[in-house]
Amino acid sequence: MLAFASTSHAQTVRIDSGEQTGHGVMLRHGNTCYVVTAAHVVDASPIATVRTAAPVVAATAVIHSPFWAGMDMAVGVLHGADILPRCTMTLRELADGVLRGDTLRAPALVRLRDSGEVERMPLRLDATGYLEFTAAPLDPEDSFWRGSSGAFAMDGAALLGMVVRTDAGGRGGHFIRIEEIGANLERWISRGVSLPTAAAPGATGPVGAGEGLRMQLVSAQRPPIGSDHVPENLIGPGAYVFEPGRNRIVFRLSGGTAVPVSGLRLHSDPADGQTMPKAVRVEVSSTADGDRWRAFLEGEVAPDGRLHLRRSSQLARRVAVTVLSAREEGPVRIDQIVLE
């Protein structure tokens, strides 16, 4: 049975990874869009192509498989401005999903055709276990065709689980329950540690060159872990790696006058024993001495270490970037901050 994509099914996507094809669903947490799929669909490459329902929008996903070997699940961080408006289901909505076999009305496997049309294959749930359940097509003419892995069973708009294995001939499917998917996904995406505050020593640096607005480093609260990882590296080559703690980093924009600021890009690529920022807040000041600050942007660094925030521009002479929390314990690394 075919139907054009509706709001409730727009999160279903097709995934291409090497020679493998499968499905998944998109969800959003903070400013980042993720895709959940079966791990064996994307084990050929750390990069996958994701396509939405019609009208089709394509994006690239950086794949992570942080779950234990017996759990056939992977998550990708999606990159592409065009796909963000289509990524509307929240992590909370997915994590709150519950499978109740006695209240199901019309369970179906939701897949996408090459054209982007949504296909709903009615299902009969056969056996429901603690972690998994099995289901079969209600129509004997239907089947779990090749490329079904990663597709979700839904009852109306409610997610029930993800198919990870099929029986010979495609007559039956084995699904991970939505409760198991939600609990593990929420733990991985939301993990982080809060950071204590610290006094702010002064620091100065040369004018930055390259991408974005030209700027000078004014101060950074947290000391670096060594002379090779100083905050001045944020406006030159190298990385700033600092002792754990809340860190307010202040930049002066070059030119002597207030200039429009519309966004921030941050990249973190931690080495062994290091971690990346998680929650980040951006403030701006249009005064020369930075004595009046205005809230400007706030977001979370994605698990792949990237953050890109944008909004309508404001005039600023100084910009403060505060790292409020980190993904894990240990020294925090920032490889690049670009102001736009």
Protein backbone atom coordinates (compact mmCIF):
# COMPACT_ATOMS: atom_id res chain seq x y z
CA MET A 1 0.00 0.00 0.00
CA LEU A 2 1.42 3.43 -0.96
CA ALA A 3 0.71 6.90 0.44
CA PHE A 4 2.33 10.29 0.12
CA ALA A 5 4.39 11.38 3.13
CA SER A 6 2.48 12.94 5.99
CA THR A 7 3.87 14.78 8.98
CA SER A 8 3.85 11.68 11.18
CA HIS A 9 5.80 9.60 8.66
CA ALA A 10 8.17 12.28 7.35
CA GLN A 11 10.90 11.08 9.73
CA THR A 12 11.29 7.79 7.84
CA VAL A 13 14.40 7.87 5.61
CA ARG A 14 16.28 5.64 3.18
CA ILE A 15 19.98 5.04 3.81
CA ASP A 16 22.75 4.14 1.36
CA SER A 17 26.12 3.01 2.72
CA GLY A 18 28.53 1.45 0.25
CA GLU A 19 26.54 -1.30 -1.45
CA GLN A 20 24.09 -1.57 1.45
CA THR A 21 20.63 0.00 1.44
CA GLY A 22 18.31 0.26 4.41
CA HIS A 23 16.01 2.54 6.35
CA GLY A 24 15.94 4.57 9.54
CA VAL A 25 14.19 7.43 11.27
CA MET A 26 15.33 10.99 11.95
CA LEU A 27 15.08 12.75 15.28
CA ARG A 28 16.24 16.06 16.64
CA HIS A 29 17.89 16.97 19.92
CA GLY A 30 18.84 20.58 20.46
CA ASN A 31 20.28 21.93 17.22
CA THR A 32 21.41 18.53 15.89
CA CYS A 33 19.58 16.04 13.65
CA TYR A 34 20.28 12.32 14.08
CA VAL A 35 19.31 9.19 12.16
CA VAL A 36 18.79 5.78 13.80
CA THR A 37 19.25 2.60 11.78
CA ALA A 38 20.42 -1.00 12.00
CA ALA A 39 24.19 -1.22 12.47
CA HIS A 40 24.68 -3.81 9.71
CA VAL A 41 23.20 -1.37 7.17
CA VAL A 42 26.04 1.12 7.73
CA ASP A 43 28.97 -1.07 8.78
CA ALA A 44 30.65 -0.68 5.35
CA SER A 45 31.48 3.01 5.79
CA PRO A 46 31.54 5.72 8.47
CA ILE A 47 29.65 7.97 6.03
CA ALA A 48 26.14 7.29 4.72
CA THR A 49 23.71 9.10 2.41
CA VAL A 50 20.25 9.73 3.85
CA ARG A 51 17.16 10.54 1.75
CA THR A 52 13.83 11.72 3.11
CA ALA A 53 10.30 11.07 1.92
CA ALA A 54 9.00 13.13 -1.02
CA PRO A 55 9.83 15.89 -1.72
CA VAL A 56 13.18 14.16 -1.39
CA VAL A 57 16.03 15.93 0.42
CA ALA A 58 19.44 14.22 0.71
CA ALA A 59 22.08 14.72 3.39
CA THR A 60 25.27 13.09 4.65
CA ALA A 61 25.41 11.29 7.99
CA VAL A 62 28.54 10.57 10.05
CA ILE A 63 27.90 7.14 11.56
CA HIS A 64 28.58 6.02 15.14
CA SER A 65 28.12 2.50 16.53
CA PRO A 66 28.62 3.01 20.29
CA PHE A 67 26.34 0.20 21.44
CA TRP A 68 27.38 -3.30 22.43
CA ALA A 69 28.07 -5.93 19.78
CA GLY A 70 24.79 -7.76 20.29
CA MET A 71 22.69 -4.65 19.65
CA ASP A 72 22.26 -4.13 15.92
CA MET A 73 21.80 -0.36 16.13
CA ALA A 74 23.77 2.65 14.92
CA VAL A 75 23.21 6.39 15.00
CA GLY A 76 24.33 9.02 12.50
CA VAL A 77 24.79 12.78 12.86
CA LEU A 78 23.21 14.48 9.85
CA HIS A 79 24.87 17.40 8.08
CA GLY A 80 23.01 19.60 5.62
CA ALA A 81 20.96 22.76 6.21
CA ASP A 82 18.15 21.60 3.89
CA ILE A 83 17.33 18.54 5.99
CA LEU A 84 17.00 20.30 9.36
CA PRO A 85 13.47 21.65 8.71
CA ARG A 86 12.38 18.08 7.94
CA CYS A 87 13.87 16.73 11.19
CA THR A 88 11.03 17.41 13.62
CA MET A 89 10.60 14.39 15.91
CA THR A 90 12.37 15.01 19.22
CA LEU A 91 14.55 12.65 21.22
CA ARG A 92 12.00 12.92 24.03
CA GLU A 93 9.18 11.74 21.76
CA LEU A 94 11.18 8.70 20.66
CA ALA A 95 12.43 7.87 24.16
CA ASP A 96 8.88 8.00 25.54
CA GLY A 97 7.71 5.33 23.07
CA VAL A 98 6.09 2.22 24.56
CA LEU A 99 4.93 -0.98 22.85
CA ARG A 100 1.60 -2.19 24.26
CA GLY A 101 0.40 -5.18 22.30
CA ASP A 102 -3.13 -5.07 23.70
CA THR A 103 -3.82 -1.53 22.43
CA LEU A 104 -2.50 -1.77 18.86
CA ARG A 105 -4.88 -0.67 16.12
CA ALA A 106 -3.12 -0.95 12.77
CA PRO A 107 0.60 -1.74 13.11
CA ALA A 108 2.56 -1.42 9.88
CA LEU A 109 6.13 -1.38 8.62
CA VAL A 110 6.91 2.06 7.15
CA ARG A 111 9.34 2.14 4.21
CA LEU A 112 10.19 4.46 1.33
CA ARG A 113 10.13 3.69 -2.36
CA ASP A 114 12.85 5.07 -4.66
CA SER A 115 10.47 7.92 -5.58
CA GLY A 116 10.18 8.98 -1.94
CA GLU A 117 6.63 7.64 -1.59
CA VAL A 118 5.77 6.18 1.79
CA GLU A 119 4.77 2.52 1.90
CA ARG A 120 2.91 1.07 4.88
CA MET A 121 2.90 -2.73 5.05
CA PRO A 122 0.31 -3.96 7.58
CA LEU A 123 1.81 -6.26 10.21
CA ARG A 124 0.70 -8.97 12.59
CA LEU A 125 2.73 -9.06 15.79
CA ASP A 126 3.49 -12.68 16.65
CA ALA A 127 5.68 -12.79 19.75
CA THR A 128 6.65 -9.96 22.08
CA GLY A 129 9.68 -10.34 24.34
CA TYR A 130 11.49 -8.09 26.80
CA LEU A 131 13.97 -6.69 24.25
CA GLU A 132 12.57 -7.75 20.89
CA PHE A 133 9.38 -8.77 19.10
CA THR A 134 8.61 -10.61 15.88
CA ALA A 135 6.05 -9.69 13.24
CA ALA A 136 4.84 -10.91 9.86
CA PRO A 137 3.06 -9.23 6.93
CA LEU A 138 -0.71 -9.35 7.29
CA ASP A 139 -1.08 -9.84 3.52
CA PRO A 140 0.53 -13.10 2.29
CA GLU A 141 1.55 -11.27 -0.89
CA ASP A 142 3.70 -8.80 1.08
CA SER A 143 7.24 -9.40 2.34
CA PHE A 144 10.24 -7.81 4.04
CA TRP A 145 12.04 -7.02 0.78
CA ARG A 146 15.78 -6.35 0.57
CA GLY A 147 16.56 -2.96 2.09
CA SER A 148 13.94 -3.24 4.86
CA SER A 149 16.52 -3.37 7.67
CA GLY A 150 16.34 -0.29 9.85
CA ALA A 151 12.70 0.39 8.96
CA PHE A 152 10.36 1.03 11.89
CA ALA A 153 7.05 -0.56 12.72
CA MET A 154 4.47 2.09 13.57
CA ASP A 155 0.94 2.14 14.89
CA GLY A 156 -0.43 5.34 13.46
CA ALA A 157 2.29 7.83 14.37
CA ALA A 158 3.64 5.80 17.31
CA LEU A 159 6.98 4.01 16.86
CA LEU A 160 6.95 0.37 17.96
CA GLY A 161 10.40 -0.94 17.02
CA MET A 162 13.07 -1.35 14.32
CA VAL A 163 13.49 -4.42 12.12
CA VAL A 164 17.04 -5.83 12.23
CA ARG A 165 16.64 -9.38 10.85
CA THR A 166 14.26 -11.13 8.48
CA ASP A 167 13.38 -14.78 7.98
CA ALA A 168 14.10 -16.66 4.77
CA GLY A 169 11.77 -15.47 2.04
CA GLY A 170 11.01 -12.24 3.88
CA ARG A 171 7.96 -13.70 5.64
CA GLY A 172 8.90 -12.57 9.14
CA GLY A 173 10.90 -9.85 10.83
CA HIS A 174 12.73 -9.49 14.16
CA PHE A 175 12.49 -6.05 15.77
CA ILE A 176 14.26 -4.21 18.61
CA ARG A 177 11.56 -2.76 20.87
CA ILE A 178 11.19 1.01 20.91
CA GLU A 179 11.80 1.12 24.70
CA GLU A 180 15.24 -0.43 24.23
CA ILE A 181 16.07 1.89 21.33
CA GLY A 182 14.93 4.96 23.24
CA ALA A 183 16.76 4.18 26.47
CA ASN A 184 20.11 3.52 24.78
CA LEU A 185 19.83 6.39 22.34
CA GLU A 186 18.90 8.88 25.02
CA ARG A 187 21.79 7.77 27.22
CA TRP A 188 24.29 8.17 24.37
CA ILE A 189 23.02 11.51 23.01
CA SER A 190 22.37 13.12 26.39
CA ARG A 191 25.48 11.99 28.21
CA GLY A 192 27.63 14.76 29.62
CA VAL A 193 29.17 16.19 32.78
CA SER A 194 28.55 19.61 34.32
CA LEU A 195 31.57 21.84 34.81
CA PRO A 196 32.37 23.99 37.85
CA THR A 197 32.99 27.71 37.45
CA ALA A 198 36.41 29.36 37.81
CA ALA A 199 37.97 32.81 38.07
CA ALA A 200 39.05 34.40 34.77
CA PRO A 201 42.74 35.14 34.15
CA GLY A 202 43.51 37.51 31.29
CA ALA A 203 45.06 36.46 27.98
CA THR A 204 45.85 38.25 24.74
CA GLY A 205 46.62 36.94 21.30
CA PRO A 206 47.31 37.94 17.71
CA VAL A 207 44.64 38.66 15.15
CA GLY A 208 43.12 35.46 13.74
CA ALA A 209 43.30 34.74 10.01
CA GLY A 210 41.34 32.53 7.68
CA GLU A 211 37.65 31.70 7.96
CA GLY A 212 34.98 33.91 9.49
CA LEU A 213 35.35 37.26 11.19
CA ARG A 214 38.82 38.44 12.19
CA MET A 215 39.20 38.48 15.95
CA GLN A 216 41.59 38.72 18.89
CA LEU A 217 41.59 36.57 22.00
CA VAL A 218 40.88 38.65 25.12
CA SER A 219 40.62 36.03 27.86
CA ALA A 220 39.98 32.39 28.68
CA GLN A 221 38.98 31.20 32.14
CA ARG A 222 40.56 27.77 32.20
CA PRO A 223 44.33 27.14 31.96
CA PRO A 224 45.61 24.88 29.18
CA ILE A 225 46.93 21.40 29.97
CA GLY A 226 50.29 22.34 28.45
CA SER A 227 52.17 24.88 26.38
CA ASP A 228 51.13 23.15 23.13
CA HIS A 229 47.43 23.58 23.86
CA VAL A 230 47.07 27.28 24.73
CA PRO A 231 43.87 29.29 24.04
CA GLU A 232 45.75 31.36 21.43
CA ASN A 233 45.54 28.28 19.20
CA LEU A 234 41.87 29.15 18.62
CA ILE A 235 42.96 31.95 16.29
CA GLY A 236 45.86 30.06 14.76
CA PRO A 237 46.96 26.48 14.16
CA GLY A 238 46.52 23.87 16.89
CA ALA A 239 43.90 23.12 19.53
CA TYR A 240 43.00 24.60 22.89
CA VAL A 241 42.81 21.84 25.52
CA PHE A 242 41.90 23.00 29.01
CA GLU A 243 41.48 21.58 32.47
CA PRO A 244 37.90 20.49 33.26
CA GLY A 245 35.69 23.37 34.32
CA ARG A 246 33.24 25.90 32.95
CA ASN A 247 35.16 28.08 30.55
CA ARG A 248 34.24 31.57 29.29
CA ILE A 249 36.34 32.54 26.26
CA VAL A 250 36.12 36.17 25.14
CA PHE A 251 37.08 37.50 21.70
CA ARG A 252 37.44 41.08 20.46
CA LEU A 253 36.37 41.57 16.86
CA SER A 254 38.99 43.35 14.77
CA GLY A 255 38.40 46.77 13.24
CA GLY A 256 37.61 48.95 16.23
CA THR A 257 33.86 49.23 15.45
CA ALA A 258 30.85 47.00 16.01
CA VAL A 259 30.27 44.53 13.16
CA PRO A 260 27.33 42.19 12.35
CA VAL A 261 27.63 38.74 13.91
CA SER A 262 25.18 36.04 12.78
CA GLY A 263 26.58 32.67 13.82
CA LEU A 264 29.19 30.42 15.34
CA ARG A 265 30.92 27.25 14.20
CA LEU A 266 32.83 25.07 16.66
CA HIS A 267 34.81 21.89 16.01
CA SER A 268 36.29 19.46 18.53
CA ASP A 269 38.34 16.36 17.72
CA PRO A 270 39.49 14.99 21.09
CA ALA A 271 42.44 12.62 21.38
CA ASP A 272 42.55 9.68 23.81
CA GLY A 273 41.90 10.87 27.35
CA GLN A 274 40.30 14.11 26.16
CA THR A 275 36.65 15.04 25.66
CA MET A 276 34.62 17.56 23.70
CA PRO A 277 32.34 20.38 24.89
CA LYS A 278 28.63 19.68 25.13
CA ALA A 279 26.49 22.72 26.05
CA VAL A 280 27.75 26.05 24.68
CA ARG A 281 26.40 29.58 25.20
CA VAL A 282 27.27 32.65 23.10
CA GLU A 283 26.89 36.26 24.25
CA VAL A 284 27.67 39.52 22.44
CA SER A 285 28.56 43.03 23.55
CA SER A 286 28.60 46.16 21.42
CA THR A 287 30.57 48.23 23.94
CA ALA A 288 34.33 48.72 23.60
CA ASP A 289 35.11 47.32 27.07
CA GLY A 290 32.51 44.55 27.00
CA ASP A 291 30.64 45.66 30.11
CA ARG A 292 27.11 44.96 28.80
CA TRP A 293 26.44 41.47 27.46
CA ARG A 294 23.39 40.15 25.58
CA ALA A 295 22.36 36.51 25.17
CA PHE A 296 22.81 35.55 21.52
CA LEU A 297 23.01 31.80 20.83
CA GLU A 298 22.90 28.51 22.72
CA GLY A 299 23.26 24.90 21.60
CA GLU A 300 24.89 21.50 22.06
CA VAL A 301 27.92 20.11 20.26
CA ALA A 302 26.94 16.98 18.34
CA PRO A 303 28.67 13.68 19.18
CA ASP A 304 30.80 14.09 16.04
CA GLY A 305 32.31 17.23 17.61
CA ARG A 306 30.58 19.84 15.44
CA LEU A 307 28.32 22.76 16.31
CA HIS A 308 26.88 25.30 13.88
CA LEU A 309 24.51 27.98 15.19
CA ARG A 310 22.94 30.82 13.19
CA ARG A 311 20.37 33.56 13.71
CA SER A 312 19.63 37.11 12.55
CA SER A 313 22.73 39.27 12.94
CA GLN A 314 23.49 41.62 15.80
CA LEU A 315 26.18 44.29 16.03
CA ALA A 316 29.04 43.35 18.35
CA ARG A 317 32.54 44.38 19.33
CA ARG A 318 33.12 41.41 21.64
CA VAL A 319 31.81 37.85 21.68
CA ALA A 320 31.91 35.47 24.66
CA VAL A 321 31.75 31.69 24.06
CA THR A 322 31.08 29.76 27.28
CA VAL A 323 31.53 26.00 27.55
CA LEU A 324 28.92 24.99 30.13
CA SER A 325 29.39 21.22 30.10
CA ALA A 326 31.42 18.44 28.51
CA ARG A 327 30.57 15.06 26.94
CA GLU A 328 32.80 13.04 29.29
CA GLU A 329 35.23 13.50 32.17
CA GLY A 330 38.74 14.75 31.35
CA PRO A 331 40.45 17.70 29.64
CA VAL A 332 38.19 19.50 27.14
CA ARG A 333 39.41 20.14 23.59
CA ILE A 334 38.36 22.81 21.10
CA ASP A 335 40.05 22.71 17.69
CA GLN A 336 38.29 25.65 16.06
CA ILE A 337 35.89 28.51 16.78
CA VAL A 338 34.68 30.54 13.82
CA LEU A 339 32.45 33.60 14.19
CA GLU A 340 30.29 34.46 11.19
